[in-house]
Amino acid sequence: MGYAELISKLEALPREKQAEVFEFVEFLSARCGTSTDNPLTHTEWTDTEFSELSMSQAMRGMEQETVTYTREDLRERWQ
């Protein structure tokens, strides 16, 4: 895939997804030590930092989702 095709696909995405791609590229740049934003930033992430980033990306947008299940949907109940 060339740059032109990559840019075309990126521009076709909604703004929210474009921002997610940008954050992921920043993450990869930081991990590889190629980030140009701040040359003093560290390149090694702790397990905690990586875990927090992963969870924040996985949970992104879920705050706005409506709950579609109730207690009756549970198979087991802990007492």
Protein backbone atom coordinates (compact mmCIF):
# COMPACT_ATOMS: atom_id res chain seq x y z
CA MET A 1 0.00 0.00 0.00
CA GLY A 2 1.42 3.37 -1.01
CA TYR A 3 1.13 6.67 0.81
CA ALA A 4 -1.55 7.96 -1.55
CA GLU A 5 -3.74 4.90 -0.92
CA LEU A 6 -3.15 5.14 2.83
CA ILE A 7 -4.07 8.84 2.89
CA SER A 8 -7.16 8.16 0.78
CA LYS A 9 -8.36 5.44 3.17
CA LEU A 10 -7.62 7.65 6.18
CA GLU A 11 -9.55 10.58 4.72
CA ALA A 12 -12.56 8.30 4.12
CA LEU A 13 -12.78 7.48 7.84
CA PRO A 14 -14.94 9.49 10.26
CA ARG A 15 -13.05 12.12 12.30
CA GLU A 16 -13.29 9.97 15.44
CA LYS A 17 -11.54 7.07 13.69
CA GLN A 18 -8.95 9.39 12.14
CA ALA A 19 -8.06 10.57 15.64
CA GLU A 20 -7.77 6.95 16.80
CA VAL A 21 -5.40 6.18 13.91
CA PHE A 22 -3.32 9.25 14.77
CA GLU A 23 -3.07 8.20 18.42
CA PHE A 24 -2.03 4.70 17.37
CA VAL A 25 0.67 6.09 15.06
CA GLU A 26 1.92 8.28 17.92
CA PHE A 27 1.99 5.22 20.16
CA LEU A 28 3.99 3.24 17.60
CA SER A 29 6.36 6.17 17.07
CA ALA A 30 6.97 6.44 20.79
CA ARG A 31 7.60 2.70 21.08
CA CYS A 32 10.08 2.76 18.19
CA GLY A 33 11.78 5.91 19.39
CA THR A 34 10.89 7.87 16.26
CA SER A 35 8.50 10.40 17.78
CA THR A 36 9.31 13.96 16.67
CA ASP A 37 7.12 15.72 19.23
CA ASN A 38 9.47 15.57 22.18
CA PRO A 39 12.93 14.04 21.81
CA LEU A 40 13.25 13.75 25.59
CA THR A 41 10.34 11.31 25.96
CA HIS A 42 11.24 7.78 26.93
CA THR A 43 10.86 4.96 24.44
CA GLU A 44 10.24 2.10 26.86
CA TRP A 45 6.77 1.78 28.34
CA THR A 46 6.14 0.17 31.67
CA ASP A 47 3.59 -2.62 31.85
CA THR A 48 1.27 -0.26 33.72
CA GLU A 49 1.51 2.48 31.06
CA PHE A 50 0.91 0.01 28.25
CA SER A 51 -1.99 -1.57 30.11
CA GLU A 52 -3.61 1.83 30.73
CA LEU A 53 -3.24 2.84 27.08
CA SER A 54 -4.61 -0.49 25.88
CA MET A 55 -7.61 -0.30 28.19
CA SER A 56 -8.37 3.32 27.30
CA GLN A 57 -8.31 2.44 23.59
CA ALA A 58 -10.45 -0.66 24.10
CA MET A 59 -13.03 1.22 26.16
CA ARG A 60 -13.11 4.34 23.97
CA GLY A 61 -16.67 5.47 23.28
CA MET A 62 -18.33 2.95 25.57
CA GLU A 63 -19.47 5.68 27.96
CA GLN A 64 -22.12 6.71 25.43
CA GLU A 65 -23.43 3.19 24.83
CA THR A 66 -26.76 2.27 26.33
CA VAL A 67 -27.02 -0.79 28.54
CA THR A 68 -28.99 -3.47 26.73
CA TYR A 69 -29.04 -6.17 29.40
CA THR A 70 -30.55 -6.60 32.85
CA ARG A 71 -29.94 -8.77 35.90
CA GLU A 72 -32.30 -11.35 34.42
CA ASP A 73 -29.79 -11.86 31.59
CA LEU A 74 -27.19 -13.26 33.99
CA ARG A 75 -26.69 -17.01 33.96
CA GLU A 76 -25.15 -17.17 37.42
CA ARG A 77 -25.60 -14.96 40.42
CA TRP A 78 -22.94 -14.64 43.07
CA GLN A 79 -24.14 -14.48 46.62
